[in-house]
N, C-alpha and C. Protein backbone atom coordinates (compact mmCIF):
# COMPACT_ATOMS: atom_id res chain seq x y z
N UNK A 1 82.20 102.33 36.35
CA UNK A 1 82.14 102.92 37.66
C UNK A 1 83.41 102.51 38.41
N UNK A 2 84.12 103.45 38.96
CA UNK A 2 85.37 103.22 39.69
C UNK A 2 85.09 103.32 41.18
N UNK A 3 85.60 102.34 41.94
CA UNK A 3 85.38 102.33 43.40
C UNK A 3 86.23 103.40 44.06
N UNK A 4 85.67 104.02 45.08
CA UNK A 4 86.40 105.00 45.88
C UNK A 4 87.47 104.28 46.69
N UNK A 5 88.75 104.67 46.58
CA UNK A 5 89.80 103.95 47.31
C UNK A 5 89.68 104.05 48.82
N UNK A 6 88.91 104.98 49.33
CA UNK A 6 88.75 105.13 50.77
C UNK A 6 87.63 104.27 51.34
N UNK A 7 86.89 103.57 50.47
CA UNK A 7 85.78 102.76 50.94
C UNK A 7 86.17 101.30 51.04
N UNK A 8 85.56 100.62 51.97
CA UNK A 8 85.79 99.19 52.14
C UNK A 8 85.20 98.47 50.93
N UNK A 9 85.89 97.48 50.36
CA UNK A 9 85.40 96.81 49.16
C UNK A 9 84.04 96.14 49.32
N UNK A 10 83.68 95.71 50.53
CA UNK A 10 82.42 94.99 50.73
C UNK A 10 81.29 95.88 51.23
N UNK A 11 81.56 97.12 51.47
CA UNK A 11 80.52 98.00 51.99
C UNK A 11 80.88 99.44 51.70
N UNK A 12 80.22 100.34 52.34
CA UNK A 12 80.46 101.74 52.07
C UNK A 12 81.27 102.46 53.13
N UNK A 13 81.71 101.74 54.15
CA UNK A 13 82.44 102.41 55.22
C UNK A 13 83.92 102.54 54.89
N UNK A 14 84.54 103.64 55.25
CA UNK A 14 85.96 103.81 54.97
C UNK A 14 86.80 102.79 55.73
N UNK A 15 87.90 102.37 55.13
CA UNK A 15 88.81 101.44 55.79
C UNK A 15 89.68 102.21 56.77
N UNK A 16 89.99 101.60 57.88
CA UNK A 16 90.88 102.21 58.86
C UNK A 16 92.14 101.39 58.95
N UNK A 17 93.26 102.06 59.07
CA UNK A 17 94.52 101.38 59.31
C UNK A 17 94.65 101.20 60.82
N UNK A 18 94.46 100.00 61.29
CA UNK A 18 94.49 99.73 62.72
C UNK A 18 95.66 98.81 63.01
N UNK A 19 96.41 99.14 64.04
CA UNK A 19 97.52 98.29 64.46
C UNK A 19 96.96 97.18 65.33
N UNK A 20 96.57 96.08 64.72
CA UNK A 20 96.01 94.95 65.46
C UNK A 20 97.14 93.99 65.79
N UNK A 21 97.40 93.84 67.07
CA UNK A 21 98.42 92.88 67.47
C UNK A 21 97.95 92.11 68.68
N UNK A 22 98.44 90.91 68.76
CA UNK A 22 98.12 90.09 69.93
C UNK A 22 98.85 90.68 71.11
N UNK A 23 98.26 90.55 72.27
CA UNK A 23 98.80 91.23 73.44
C UNK A 23 100.04 90.55 74.01
N UNK A 24 100.05 89.26 74.14
CA UNK A 24 101.22 88.58 74.65
C UNK A 24 101.64 89.05 76.03
N UNK A 25 100.79 88.83 77.01
CA UNK A 25 101.07 89.28 78.37
C UNK A 25 101.71 88.17 79.20
N UNK A 26 102.80 88.47 79.90
CA UNK A 26 103.40 87.47 80.79
C UNK A 26 102.54 87.29 82.03
N UNK A 27 102.61 86.10 82.62
CA UNK A 27 101.84 85.86 83.84
C UNK A 27 102.59 84.94 84.79
N UNK A 28 102.14 84.95 86.03
CA UNK A 28 102.68 84.09 87.08
C UNK A 28 101.54 83.21 87.57
N UNK A 29 101.78 81.90 87.60
CA UNK A 29 100.73 80.95 87.99
C UNK A 29 101.25 80.08 89.13
N UNK A 30 100.41 79.91 90.14
CA UNK A 30 100.73 79.02 91.26
C UNK A 30 99.66 77.94 91.28
N UNK A 31 100.10 76.69 91.30
CA UNK A 31 99.18 75.55 91.36
C UNK A 31 99.45 74.79 92.65
N UNK A 32 98.39 74.54 93.40
CA UNK A 32 98.51 73.73 94.61
C UNK A 32 98.36 72.27 94.22
N UNK A 33 99.31 71.46 94.59
CA UNK A 33 99.29 70.04 94.25
C UNK A 33 98.29 69.30 95.13
N UNK A 34 97.85 68.16 94.69
CA UNK A 34 96.84 67.38 95.41
C UNK A 34 97.32 66.93 96.78
N UNK A 35 98.59 66.65 96.91
CA UNK A 35 99.14 66.18 98.17
C UNK A 35 99.40 67.37 99.09
N UNK A 36 98.42 67.72 99.88
CA UNK A 36 98.52 68.89 100.74
C UNK A 36 99.43 68.67 101.94
N UNK A 37 99.84 67.45 102.20
CA UNK A 37 100.68 67.17 103.36
C UNK A 37 102.15 67.50 103.09
N UNK A 38 102.53 67.60 101.82
CA UNK A 38 103.92 67.89 101.48
C UNK A 38 104.23 69.35 101.71
N UNK A 39 105.47 69.61 102.14
CA UNK A 39 105.90 70.99 102.34
C UNK A 39 105.96 71.74 101.01
N UNK A 40 106.42 71.08 99.97
CA UNK A 40 106.52 71.70 98.65
C UNK A 40 105.31 71.31 97.80
N UNK A 41 104.14 71.72 98.22
CA UNK A 41 102.91 71.33 97.54
C UNK A 41 102.49 72.35 96.48
N UNK A 42 103.38 73.25 96.08
CA UNK A 42 103.04 74.29 95.11
C UNK A 42 103.99 74.25 93.92
N UNK A 43 103.44 74.52 92.75
CA UNK A 43 104.25 74.67 91.55
C UNK A 43 104.09 76.12 91.10
N UNK A 44 105.22 76.80 90.90
CA UNK A 44 105.21 78.19 90.46
C UNK A 44 105.73 78.23 89.03
N UNK A 45 104.95 78.86 88.14
CA UNK A 45 105.30 78.92 86.73
C UNK A 45 105.13 80.34 86.20
N UNK A 46 105.90 80.65 85.16
CA UNK A 46 105.80 81.93 84.47
C UNK A 46 105.38 81.65 83.03
N UNK A 47 104.34 82.35 82.57
CA UNK A 47 103.96 82.25 81.16
C UNK A 47 104.88 83.19 80.39
N UNK A 48 105.60 82.61 79.42
CA UNK A 48 106.51 83.38 78.59
C UNK A 48 105.87 83.56 77.21
N UNK A 49 105.45 84.79 76.88
CA UNK A 49 104.80 85.04 75.59
C UNK A 49 105.72 84.83 74.39
N UNK A 50 107.03 84.85 74.62
CA UNK A 50 107.98 84.66 73.52
C UNK A 50 108.06 83.19 73.11
N UNK A 51 107.94 82.29 74.08
CA UNK A 51 108.01 80.86 73.78
C UNK A 51 106.62 80.23 73.70
N UNK A 52 105.61 80.93 74.21
CA UNK A 52 104.25 80.40 74.22
C UNK A 52 104.11 79.21 75.14
N UNK A 53 104.80 79.28 76.30
CA UNK A 53 104.75 78.16 77.24
C UNK A 53 104.97 78.63 78.66
N UNK A 54 104.55 77.78 79.60
CA UNK A 54 104.84 78.03 81.01
C UNK A 54 106.24 77.49 81.31
N UNK A 55 106.96 78.23 82.16
CA UNK A 55 108.30 77.82 82.57
C UNK A 55 108.35 77.80 84.09
N UNK A 56 108.92 76.74 84.65
CA UNK A 56 109.01 76.60 86.11
C UNK A 56 109.88 77.69 86.71
N UNK A 57 109.51 78.11 87.92
CA UNK A 57 110.30 79.07 88.68
C UNK A 57 110.57 78.48 90.05
N UNK A 58 111.72 78.82 90.64
CA UNK A 58 112.10 78.29 91.95
C UNK A 58 111.24 78.87 93.07
N UNK A 59 110.99 80.17 93.01
CA UNK A 59 110.23 80.85 94.06
C UNK A 59 109.28 81.86 93.43
N UNK A 60 108.33 82.31 94.20
CA UNK A 60 107.42 83.35 93.72
C UNK A 60 108.20 84.64 93.47
N UNK A 61 109.19 84.92 94.30
CA UNK A 61 110.00 86.13 94.11
C UNK A 61 110.71 86.09 92.76
N UNK A 62 111.34 84.96 92.43
CA UNK A 62 112.00 84.83 91.13
C UNK A 62 110.99 84.94 89.98
N UNK A 63 109.83 84.33 90.16
CA UNK A 63 108.79 84.38 89.13
C UNK A 63 108.29 85.81 88.92
N UNK A 64 108.09 86.55 90.00
CA UNK A 64 107.65 87.94 89.89
C UNK A 64 108.68 88.77 89.14
N UNK A 65 109.95 88.56 89.47
CA UNK A 65 111.02 89.29 88.79
C UNK A 65 111.01 88.97 87.29
N UNK A 66 110.84 87.69 86.95
CA UNK A 66 110.83 87.28 85.54
C UNK A 66 109.63 87.86 84.80
N UNK A 67 108.46 87.85 85.43
CA UNK A 67 107.26 88.41 84.80
C UNK A 67 107.46 89.91 84.53
N UNK A 68 108.04 90.62 85.49
CA UNK A 68 108.30 92.04 85.29
C UNK A 68 109.32 92.28 84.17
N UNK A 69 110.35 91.43 84.08
CA UNK A 69 111.34 91.54 82.99
C UNK A 69 110.67 91.33 81.64
N UNK A 70 109.84 90.29 81.54
CA UNK A 70 109.14 90.01 80.29
C UNK A 70 108.22 91.16 79.90
N UNK A 71 107.49 91.71 80.86
CA UNK A 71 106.59 92.83 80.59
C UNK A 71 107.38 94.04 80.08
N UNK A 72 108.55 94.28 80.65
CA UNK A 72 109.39 95.39 80.21
C UNK A 72 109.87 95.17 78.77
N UNK A 73 110.28 93.96 78.46
CA UNK A 73 110.71 93.66 77.08
C UNK A 73 109.57 93.86 76.08
N UNK A 74 108.39 93.39 76.45
CA UNK A 74 107.23 93.51 75.58
C UNK A 74 106.87 94.98 75.38
N UNK A 75 106.94 95.76 76.44
CA UNK A 75 106.64 97.20 76.34
C UNK A 75 107.62 97.87 75.38
N UNK A 76 108.91 97.52 75.48
CA UNK A 76 109.92 98.09 74.58
C UNK A 76 109.64 97.68 73.12
N UNK A 77 109.22 96.45 72.92
CA UNK A 77 108.87 96.00 71.56
C UNK A 77 107.72 96.83 71.00
N UNK A 78 106.74 97.12 71.81
CA UNK A 78 105.59 97.90 71.34
C UNK A 78 105.99 99.33 71.04
N UNK A 79 106.82 99.92 71.91
CA UNK A 79 107.26 101.29 71.66
C UNK A 79 108.01 101.40 70.35
N UNK A 80 108.83 100.41 70.07
CA UNK A 80 109.66 100.42 68.86
C UNK A 80 108.96 99.79 67.66
N UNK A 81 107.72 99.36 67.88
CA UNK A 81 106.94 98.70 66.83
C UNK A 81 107.73 97.56 66.19
N UNK A 82 108.31 96.76 67.05
CA UNK A 82 109.11 95.63 66.59
C UNK A 82 108.24 94.71 65.74
N UNK A 83 108.73 94.26 64.58
CA UNK A 83 107.89 93.45 63.70
C UNK A 83 107.44 92.11 64.31
N UNK A 84 108.15 91.61 65.29
CA UNK A 84 107.76 90.32 65.87
C UNK A 84 106.84 90.46 67.08
N UNK A 85 106.40 91.67 67.38
CA UNK A 85 105.51 91.84 68.53
C UNK A 85 104.18 91.12 68.32
N UNK A 86 103.82 90.89 67.06
CA UNK A 86 102.57 90.18 66.76
C UNK A 86 102.69 88.68 66.96
N UNK A 87 103.90 88.20 67.18
CA UNK A 87 104.12 86.76 67.36
C UNK A 87 103.94 86.33 68.82
N UNK A 88 103.83 87.28 69.74
CA UNK A 88 103.71 86.96 71.16
C UNK A 88 102.37 86.30 71.46
N UNK A 89 102.37 85.40 72.43
CA UNK A 89 101.15 84.65 72.75
C UNK A 89 100.71 84.89 74.18
N UNK A 90 99.41 85.04 74.37
CA UNK A 90 98.83 85.12 75.72
C UNK A 90 98.71 83.72 76.30
N UNK A 91 98.62 83.65 77.61
CA UNK A 91 98.38 82.36 78.28
C UNK A 91 97.06 81.79 77.76
N UNK A 92 97.00 80.49 77.59
CA UNK A 92 95.78 79.88 77.05
C UNK A 92 94.59 80.02 78.00
N UNK A 93 93.40 79.96 77.41
CA UNK A 93 92.18 79.92 78.22
C UNK A 93 92.21 78.65 79.04
N UNK A 94 91.52 78.69 80.17
CA UNK A 94 91.52 77.55 81.08
C UNK A 94 90.24 76.76 80.91
N UNK A 95 90.39 75.47 80.76
CA UNK A 95 89.24 74.57 80.76
C UNK A 95 89.00 74.12 82.20
N UNK A 96 87.91 73.47 82.44
CA UNK A 96 87.62 72.98 83.79
C UNK A 96 88.81 72.26 84.38
N UNK A 97 89.24 72.67 85.56
CA UNK A 97 90.45 72.10 86.15
C UNK A 97 90.13 71.11 87.27
N UNK A 98 88.87 70.70 87.38
CA UNK A 98 88.52 69.70 88.40
C UNK A 98 88.79 70.20 89.80
N UNK A 99 89.50 69.39 90.56
CA UNK A 99 89.74 69.74 91.96
C UNK A 99 91.12 70.36 92.17
N UNK A 100 91.80 70.73 91.11
CA UNK A 100 93.12 71.37 91.26
C UNK A 100 92.94 72.85 91.54
N UNK A 101 93.60 73.33 92.58
CA UNK A 101 93.54 74.75 92.93
C UNK A 101 94.72 75.46 92.28
N UNK A 102 94.41 76.54 91.57
CA UNK A 102 95.43 77.33 90.91
C UNK A 102 94.99 78.79 90.89
N UNK A 103 95.94 79.67 90.75
CA UNK A 103 95.65 81.10 90.62
C UNK A 103 96.77 81.71 89.78
N UNK A 104 96.42 82.81 89.09
CA UNK A 104 97.37 83.39 88.14
C UNK A 104 97.14 84.89 88.05
N UNK A 105 98.22 85.64 87.87
CA UNK A 105 98.08 87.05 87.53
C UNK A 105 98.94 87.36 86.32
N UNK A 106 98.54 88.39 85.57
CA UNK A 106 99.31 88.80 84.40
C UNK A 106 99.50 90.31 84.42
N UNK A 107 100.52 90.73 83.69
CA UNK A 107 100.81 92.15 83.55
C UNK A 107 100.52 92.56 82.11
N UNK A 108 99.75 93.62 81.97
CA UNK A 108 99.49 94.21 80.66
C UNK A 108 100.53 95.31 80.47
N UNK A 109 101.53 95.02 79.65
CA UNK A 109 102.66 95.94 79.47
C UNK A 109 102.23 97.18 78.69
N UNK A 110 102.33 98.32 79.35
CA UNK A 110 101.96 99.59 78.74
C UNK A 110 102.65 100.71 79.51
N UNK A 111 102.46 101.94 79.06
CA UNK A 111 103.04 103.07 79.78
C UNK A 111 102.58 103.04 81.23
N UNK A 112 101.31 102.79 81.44
CA UNK A 112 100.75 102.61 82.77
C UNK A 112 100.26 101.17 82.84
N UNK A 113 101.10 100.24 83.30
CA UNK A 113 100.72 98.82 83.28
C UNK A 113 99.49 98.55 84.14
N UNK A 114 98.76 97.52 83.74
CA UNK A 114 97.62 97.08 84.53
C UNK A 114 97.82 95.60 84.84
N UNK A 115 97.03 95.11 85.78
CA UNK A 115 97.22 93.76 86.30
C UNK A 115 95.88 93.06 86.38
N UNK A 116 95.86 91.79 85.97
CA UNK A 116 94.64 90.99 85.99
C UNK A 116 94.92 89.70 86.76
N UNK A 117 93.86 89.15 87.36
CA UNK A 117 93.97 87.86 88.03
C UNK A 117 92.85 86.94 87.55
N UNK A 118 93.10 85.64 87.70
CA UNK A 118 92.08 84.62 87.50
C UNK A 118 92.46 83.45 88.39
N UNK A 119 91.49 82.59 88.70
CA UNK A 119 91.77 81.45 89.56
C UNK A 119 90.76 80.35 89.31
N UNK A 120 90.99 79.21 89.98
CA UNK A 120 90.21 78.00 89.72
C UNK A 120 88.71 78.19 89.84
N UNK A 121 88.24 79.06 90.73
CA UNK A 121 86.79 79.24 90.85
C UNK A 121 86.28 80.49 90.13
N UNK A 122 87.16 81.19 89.40
CA UNK A 122 86.78 82.30 88.52
C UNK A 122 87.81 82.35 87.38
N UNK A 123 87.62 81.53 86.34
CA UNK A 123 88.64 81.41 85.29
C UNK A 123 88.72 82.57 84.31
N UNK A 124 87.84 83.56 84.42
CA UNK A 124 87.95 84.73 83.55
C UNK A 124 88.80 85.79 84.25
N UNK A 125 89.51 86.56 83.46
CA UNK A 125 90.42 87.58 84.00
C UNK A 125 89.65 88.75 84.59
N UNK A 126 90.16 89.28 85.72
CA UNK A 126 89.56 90.45 86.37
C UNK A 126 90.67 91.45 86.71
N UNK A 127 90.43 92.72 86.46
CA UNK A 127 91.40 93.78 86.69
C UNK A 127 91.65 93.99 88.18
N UNK A 128 92.91 94.22 88.55
CA UNK A 128 93.29 94.48 89.94
C UNK A 128 93.98 95.85 90.03
N UNK A 129 94.13 96.35 91.25
CA UNK A 129 94.64 97.69 91.47
C UNK A 129 96.13 97.84 91.13
N UNK A 130 96.94 96.88 91.56
CA UNK A 130 98.38 97.00 91.34
C UNK A 130 99.03 95.63 91.45
N UNK A 131 100.34 95.59 91.22
CA UNK A 131 101.07 94.33 91.23
C UNK A 131 101.02 93.64 92.59
N UNK A 132 101.20 94.38 93.66
CA UNK A 132 101.19 93.79 95.00
C UNK A 132 99.84 93.15 95.30
N UNK A 133 98.76 93.83 94.92
CA UNK A 133 97.42 93.30 95.15
C UNK A 133 97.18 92.05 94.31
N UNK A 134 97.60 92.07 93.05
CA UNK A 134 97.44 90.91 92.17
C UNK A 134 98.22 89.71 92.71
N UNK A 135 99.44 89.95 93.18
CA UNK A 135 100.26 88.86 93.73
C UNK A 135 99.62 88.32 95.01
N UNK A 136 99.11 89.20 95.86
CA UNK A 136 98.49 88.76 97.11
C UNK A 136 97.26 87.91 96.84
N UNK A 137 96.41 88.32 95.91
CA UNK A 137 95.22 87.54 95.57
C UNK A 137 95.62 86.17 95.03
N UNK A 138 96.62 86.15 94.15
CA UNK A 138 97.08 84.90 93.55
C UNK A 138 97.57 83.94 94.63
N UNK A 139 98.38 84.43 95.55
CA UNK A 139 98.90 83.58 96.62
C UNK A 139 97.79 83.11 97.57
N UNK A 140 96.93 84.02 97.94
CA UNK A 140 95.86 83.71 98.90
C UNK A 140 94.90 82.67 98.35
N UNK A 141 94.54 82.73 97.08
CA UNK A 141 93.56 81.81 96.50
C UNK A 141 94.00 80.35 96.58
N UNK A 142 95.32 80.09 96.60
CA UNK A 142 95.79 78.71 96.66
C UNK A 142 96.39 78.36 98.02
N UNK A 143 96.36 79.32 98.96
CA UNK A 143 96.88 79.07 100.29
C UNK A 143 98.40 79.15 100.39
N UNK A 144 99.01 79.84 99.44
CA UNK A 144 100.47 79.99 99.46
C UNK A 144 100.82 81.17 100.35
N UNK A 145 101.65 80.92 101.37
CA UNK A 145 102.09 82.00 102.25
C UNK A 145 103.50 82.40 101.84
N UNK A 146 103.61 83.63 101.41
CA UNK A 146 104.93 84.10 100.97
C UNK A 146 105.75 84.51 102.17
N UNK A 147 106.97 83.99 102.27
CA UNK A 147 107.86 84.48 103.32
C UNK A 147 108.12 85.97 103.13
N UNK A 148 108.30 86.68 104.21
CA UNK A 148 108.51 88.13 104.09
C UNK A 148 109.72 88.44 103.22
N UNK A 149 110.69 87.54 103.18
CA UNK A 149 111.89 87.78 102.35
C UNK A 149 111.56 87.75 100.86
N UNK A 150 110.44 87.16 100.47
CA UNK A 150 110.08 87.10 99.04
C UNK A 150 109.63 88.45 98.50
N UNK A 151 109.18 89.36 99.36
CA UNK A 151 108.74 90.67 98.90
C UNK A 151 109.82 91.73 99.05
N UNK A 152 110.96 91.40 99.63
CA UNK A 152 111.98 92.43 99.82
C UNK A 152 112.92 92.48 98.66
């Protein structure tokens, strides 16, 4: 008896060729430091899916620009089916963070990008309307007030 080449070896369902790749979405994270009396009580970081690590940013404006650049590069990799697109890493899941306040948003790079947020009191990702809304939620959750010059 010869097996049908269109059937899965362990069952009777046909095999599908699916392009399974890790998403590797860049994100911006703001952490409020314990010392609330300091003027610089916030740490701004960008998750870089290419390096699989958070990288410090000087300002939220610079971090937003970097996240958008990374999302654009990732989108181009997907369009061109770059062989290393499967090597990109998503930001790690968050374990209990105790009393540290943090918030984060990420960009899902696609033809029509989408935006997700998570924060210290809701560590699972939730879809948001647009980039401005995701950034506003992220800043508001940790009490970060963006100077008007950061959005221009």
